[in-house]
């Protein structure tokens, strides 16, 4: 996320809600996917936790589609494999 996503246009889109298999597919489509898998000796990130977060956010967005205009989670820190992820800041804009 953040400015690097905008700069490199590194995005993947689907209609909400998505299931976990689709969320994992979306992550594999990203240019930065290799960073999640572990790059240059870095440990692999918890991509499963990130996929589960995508599923939950997409379900929320679909359920509240008539009242939520925007959801921004930035940054989301993806910890090492098995350690989950943390949302540092979140904003939801409603109608």
N, C-alpha and C. Protein backbone atom coordinates (compact mmCIF):
# COMPACT_ATOMS: atom_id res chain seq x y z
N UNK A 1 0.82 -1.20 0.00
CA UNK A 1 0.00 0.00 0.00
C UNK A 1 0.85 1.25 0.00
N UNK A 2 0.19 2.37 0.11
CA UNK A 2 0.87 3.64 0.20
C UNK A 2 1.40 4.16 -1.13
N UNK A 3 2.40 5.03 -1.04
CA UNK A 3 2.89 5.70 -2.24
C UNK A 3 3.58 4.75 -3.21
N UNK A 4 4.19 3.68 -2.71
CA UNK A 4 4.85 2.74 -3.61
C UNK A 4 3.82 2.04 -4.51
N UNK A 5 2.66 1.72 -3.95
CA UNK A 5 1.59 1.12 -4.73
C UNK A 5 1.16 2.06 -5.84
N UNK A 6 0.99 3.33 -5.49
CA UNK A 6 0.59 4.33 -6.48
C UNK A 6 1.68 4.54 -7.52
N UNK A 7 2.92 4.65 -7.08
CA UNK A 7 4.03 4.91 -7.98
C UNK A 7 4.19 3.79 -9.01
N UNK A 8 4.15 2.54 -8.56
CA UNK A 8 4.38 1.40 -9.45
C UNK A 8 3.08 0.79 -9.98
N UNK A 9 1.95 1.38 -9.63
CA UNK A 9 0.64 0.87 -10.04
C UNK A 9 0.56 -0.63 -9.79
N UNK A 10 0.92 -1.02 -8.60
CA UNK A 10 0.98 -2.42 -8.20
C UNK A 10 -0.32 -2.79 -7.47
N UNK A 11 -1.36 -3.09 -8.24
CA UNK A 11 -2.67 -3.36 -7.67
C UNK A 11 -3.30 -4.59 -8.32
N UNK A 12 -4.27 -5.13 -7.65
CA UNK A 12 -5.08 -6.24 -8.17
C UNK A 12 -6.51 -5.96 -7.74
N UNK A 13 -7.46 -6.09 -8.65
CA UNK A 13 -8.85 -5.77 -8.36
C UNK A 13 -9.75 -6.98 -8.54
N UNK A 14 -10.74 -7.08 -7.69
CA UNK A 14 -11.83 -8.03 -7.82
C UNK A 14 -13.08 -7.36 -7.23
N UNK A 15 -14.23 -7.85 -7.62
CA UNK A 15 -15.47 -7.40 -6.99
C UNK A 15 -15.60 -8.06 -5.63
N UNK A 16 -16.02 -7.29 -4.65
CA UNK A 16 -16.21 -7.82 -3.30
C UNK A 16 -17.58 -8.48 -3.22
N UNK A 17 -17.69 -9.53 -2.42
CA UNK A 17 -16.67 -10.11 -1.55
C UNK A 17 -15.82 -11.15 -2.29
N UNK A 18 -14.61 -11.36 -1.77
CA UNK A 18 -13.73 -12.38 -2.34
C UNK A 18 -13.52 -13.47 -1.30
N UNK A 19 -13.21 -14.67 -1.77
CA UNK A 19 -12.88 -15.76 -0.86
C UNK A 19 -11.36 -15.81 -0.68
N UNK A 20 -10.90 -16.69 0.19
CA UNK A 20 -9.47 -16.73 0.50
C UNK A 20 -8.62 -17.15 -0.69
N UNK A 21 -9.12 -18.07 -1.50
CA UNK A 21 -8.36 -18.50 -2.69
C UNK A 21 -8.18 -17.33 -3.65
N UNK A 22 -9.21 -16.52 -3.81
CA UNK A 22 -9.12 -15.34 -4.68
C UNK A 22 -8.17 -14.31 -4.10
N UNK A 23 -8.22 -14.11 -2.80
CA UNK A 23 -7.31 -13.15 -2.15
C UNK A 23 -5.86 -13.58 -2.34
N UNK A 24 -5.58 -14.88 -2.21
CA UNK A 24 -4.21 -15.37 -2.43
C UNK A 24 -3.80 -15.17 -3.88
N UNK A 25 -4.72 -15.40 -4.80
CA UNK A 25 -4.44 -15.17 -6.22
C UNK A 25 -4.12 -13.69 -6.47
N UNK A 26 -4.86 -12.81 -5.84
CA UNK A 26 -4.62 -11.37 -5.99
C UNK A 26 -3.21 -11.01 -5.51
N UNK A 27 -2.81 -11.58 -4.38
CA UNK A 27 -1.48 -11.30 -3.84
C UNK A 27 -0.39 -11.81 -4.78
N UNK A 28 -0.61 -12.97 -5.40
CA UNK A 28 0.38 -13.52 -6.34
C UNK A 28 0.51 -12.64 -7.59
N UNK A 29 -0.53 -11.90 -7.95
CA UNK A 29 -0.50 -11.05 -9.13
C UNK A 29 0.34 -9.79 -8.94
N UNK A 30 0.59 -9.41 -7.71
CA UNK A 30 1.31 -8.18 -7.44
C UNK A 30 2.78 -8.26 -7.85
N UNK A 31 3.32 -7.14 -8.29
CA UNK A 31 4.74 -7.07 -8.62
C UNK A 31 5.59 -7.31 -7.38
N UNK A 32 5.07 -6.95 -6.23
CA UNK A 32 5.82 -7.10 -4.97
C UNK A 32 5.60 -8.46 -4.33
N UNK A 33 4.97 -9.39 -5.02
CA UNK A 33 4.67 -10.72 -4.45
C UNK A 33 5.92 -11.41 -3.92
N UNK A 34 7.02 -11.23 -4.60
CA UNK A 34 8.27 -11.87 -4.15
C UNK A 34 8.71 -11.38 -2.78
N UNK A 35 8.35 -10.14 -2.42
CA UNK A 35 8.69 -9.64 -1.10
C UNK A 35 7.94 -10.40 -0.01
N UNK A 36 6.69 -10.77 -0.29
CA UNK A 36 5.91 -11.53 0.68
C UNK A 36 6.47 -12.94 0.87
N UNK A 37 7.01 -13.50 -0.20
CA UNK A 37 7.54 -14.87 -0.14
C UNK A 37 8.92 -14.94 0.52
N UNK A 38 9.52 -13.80 0.75
CA UNK A 38 10.88 -13.75 1.29
C UNK A 38 11.82 -13.45 0.14
N UNK A 39 12.57 -12.39 0.24
CA UNK A 39 13.42 -11.95 -0.86
C UNK A 39 14.77 -11.57 -0.31
N UNK A 40 15.81 -12.01 -1.00
CA UNK A 40 17.20 -11.71 -0.62
C UNK A 40 17.49 -12.08 0.83
N UNK A 41 17.02 -13.25 1.21
CA UNK A 41 17.31 -13.75 2.55
C UNK A 41 16.34 -13.31 3.63
N UNK A 42 15.41 -12.45 3.30
CA UNK A 42 14.42 -12.01 4.29
C UNK A 42 13.43 -13.16 4.54
N UNK A 43 12.91 -13.24 5.75
CA UNK A 43 11.93 -14.31 6.02
C UNK A 43 10.63 -14.05 5.26
N UNK A 44 9.91 -15.12 4.99
CA UNK A 44 8.61 -14.99 4.33
C UNK A 44 7.63 -14.27 5.27
N UNK A 45 6.76 -13.49 4.67
CA UNK A 45 5.73 -12.79 5.42
C UNK A 45 4.51 -13.69 5.58
N UNK A 46 3.63 -13.33 6.49
CA UNK A 46 2.41 -14.11 6.73
C UNK A 46 1.36 -13.75 5.68
N UNK A 47 1.57 -14.23 4.46
CA UNK A 47 0.65 -13.93 3.36
C UNK A 47 -0.73 -14.51 3.62
N UNK A 48 -0.81 -15.61 4.37
CA UNK A 48 -2.12 -16.19 4.70
C UNK A 48 -2.94 -15.22 5.55
N UNK A 49 -2.29 -14.58 6.52
CA UNK A 49 -2.99 -13.61 7.36
C UNK A 49 -3.43 -12.41 6.52
N UNK A 50 -2.59 -11.99 5.60
CA UNK A 50 -2.95 -10.87 4.73
C UNK A 50 -4.13 -11.25 3.84
N UNK A 51 -4.13 -12.46 3.32
CA UNK A 51 -5.26 -12.93 2.50
C UNK A 51 -6.55 -12.95 3.33
N UNK A 52 -6.47 -13.42 4.58
CA UNK A 52 -7.65 -13.44 5.45
C UNK A 52 -8.15 -12.02 5.73
N UNK A 53 -7.22 -11.06 5.88
CA UNK A 53 -7.62 -9.67 6.07
C UNK A 53 -8.36 -9.14 4.84
N UNK A 54 -7.86 -9.46 3.67
CA UNK A 54 -8.51 -9.03 2.43
C UNK A 54 -9.93 -9.60 2.37
N UNK A 55 -10.08 -10.87 2.73
CA UNK A 55 -11.41 -11.50 2.74
C UNK A 55 -12.35 -10.76 3.69
N UNK A 56 -11.89 -10.47 4.88
CA UNK A 56 -12.73 -9.81 5.88
C UNK A 56 -13.10 -8.39 5.45
N UNK A 57 -12.14 -7.65 4.93
CA UNK A 57 -12.42 -6.29 4.48
C UNK A 57 -13.37 -6.30 3.29
N UNK A 58 -13.18 -7.25 2.38
CA UNK A 58 -14.06 -7.31 1.21
C UNK A 58 -15.49 -7.67 1.62
N UNK A 59 -15.64 -8.56 2.61
CA UNK A 59 -16.97 -8.91 3.11
C UNK A 59 -17.63 -7.70 3.77
N UNK A 60 -16.85 -6.96 4.55
CA UNK A 60 -17.36 -5.74 5.19
C UNK A 60 -17.79 -4.73 4.12
N UNK A 61 -16.95 -4.53 3.12
CA UNK A 61 -17.26 -3.57 2.05
C UNK A 61 -18.52 -3.98 1.29
N UNK A 62 -18.67 -5.26 1.03
CA UNK A 62 -19.85 -5.74 0.32
C UNK A 62 -21.11 -5.56 1.16
N UNK A 63 -21.00 -5.90 2.44
CA UNK A 63 -22.17 -5.79 3.32
C UNK A 63 -22.63 -4.35 3.50
N UNK A 64 -21.69 -3.42 3.58
CA UNK A 64 -22.02 -2.02 3.84
C UNK A 64 -21.84 -1.14 2.59
N UNK A 65 -21.99 -1.74 1.42
CA UNK A 65 -21.72 -1.05 0.15
C UNK A 65 -22.56 0.20 -0.05
N UNK A 66 -23.73 0.27 0.58
CA UNK A 66 -24.57 1.45 0.39
C UNK A 66 -24.20 2.58 1.34
N UNK A 67 -23.43 2.29 2.38
CA UNK A 67 -23.11 3.34 3.35
C UNK A 67 -21.62 3.65 3.47
N UNK A 68 -20.75 2.79 2.95
CA UNK A 68 -19.31 3.04 3.03
C UNK A 68 -18.80 3.47 1.67
N UNK A 69 -18.18 4.65 1.65
CA UNK A 69 -17.61 5.18 0.40
C UNK A 69 -16.16 4.77 0.22
N UNK A 70 -15.43 4.66 1.33
CA UNK A 70 -13.98 4.45 1.24
C UNK A 70 -13.48 3.75 2.50
N UNK A 71 -12.53 2.84 2.31
CA UNK A 71 -11.84 2.19 3.41
C UNK A 71 -10.35 2.33 3.14
N UNK A 72 -9.62 2.84 4.11
CA UNK A 72 -8.17 3.01 3.97
C UNK A 72 -7.48 2.40 5.18
N UNK A 73 -6.67 1.40 4.94
CA UNK A 73 -5.84 0.77 5.97
C UNK A 73 -4.40 1.03 5.58
N UNK A 74 -3.72 1.89 6.33
CA UNK A 74 -2.37 2.27 5.91
C UNK A 74 -1.58 2.80 7.10
N UNK A 75 -0.54 2.12 7.44
CA UNK A 75 -0.04 0.89 6.82
C UNK A 75 -0.62 -0.36 7.46
N UNK A 76 -0.56 -1.44 6.70
CA UNK A 76 -0.80 -2.77 7.22
C UNK A 76 0.58 -3.42 7.27
N UNK A 77 0.98 -3.83 8.44
CA UNK A 77 2.28 -4.47 8.60
C UNK A 77 2.06 -5.98 8.60
N UNK A 78 2.71 -6.65 7.67
CA UNK A 78 2.60 -8.11 7.57
C UNK A 78 3.83 -8.69 8.26
N UNK A 79 3.58 -9.39 9.34
CA UNK A 79 4.67 -9.97 10.13
C UNK A 79 5.16 -11.27 9.48
N UNK A 80 6.14 -11.88 10.08
CA UNK A 80 6.68 -13.13 9.57
C UNK A 80 5.64 -14.23 9.52
N UNK A 81 5.91 -15.26 8.73
CA UNK A 81 4.98 -16.37 8.55
C UNK A 81 4.47 -16.88 9.89
N UNK A 82 3.16 -16.97 10.00
CA UNK A 82 2.52 -17.45 11.22
C UNK A 82 2.30 -16.40 12.29
N UNK A 83 2.78 -15.18 12.08
CA UNK A 83 2.69 -14.14 13.11
C UNK A 83 1.61 -13.10 12.84
N UNK A 84 0.86 -13.24 11.75
CA UNK A 84 -0.26 -12.34 11.49
C UNK A 84 0.14 -11.03 10.86
N UNK A 85 -0.78 -10.08 10.93
CA UNK A 85 -0.53 -8.74 10.42
C UNK A 85 -1.20 -7.74 11.35
N UNK A 86 -0.74 -6.51 11.29
CA UNK A 86 -1.26 -5.44 12.14
C UNK A 86 -1.70 -4.26 11.29
N UNK A 87 -2.86 -3.72 11.60
CA UNK A 87 -3.33 -2.50 10.96
C UNK A 87 -2.93 -1.36 11.87
N UNK A 88 -2.07 -0.48 11.38
CA UNK A 88 -1.56 0.62 12.19
C UNK A 88 -2.57 1.76 12.23
N UNK A 89 -3.18 2.06 11.11
CA UNK A 89 -4.14 3.17 11.03
C UNK A 89 -5.24 2.75 10.08
N UNK A 90 -6.48 3.10 10.42
CA UNK A 90 -7.61 2.77 9.58
C UNK A 90 -8.56 3.96 9.50
N UNK A 91 -9.15 4.12 8.32
CA UNK A 91 -10.15 5.17 8.14
C UNK A 91 -11.29 4.59 7.30
N UNK A 92 -12.50 4.82 7.74
CA UNK A 92 -13.68 4.42 6.97
C UNK A 92 -14.50 5.69 6.75
N UNK A 93 -14.75 5.99 5.49
CA UNK A 93 -15.56 7.17 5.13
C UNK A 93 -16.95 6.67 4.77
N UNK A 94 -17.95 7.22 5.44
CA UNK A 94 -19.33 6.81 5.19
C UNK A 94 -20.06 7.91 4.42
N UNK A 95 -21.22 7.53 3.89
CA UNK A 95 -22.06 8.49 3.18
C UNK A 95 -22.61 9.51 4.13
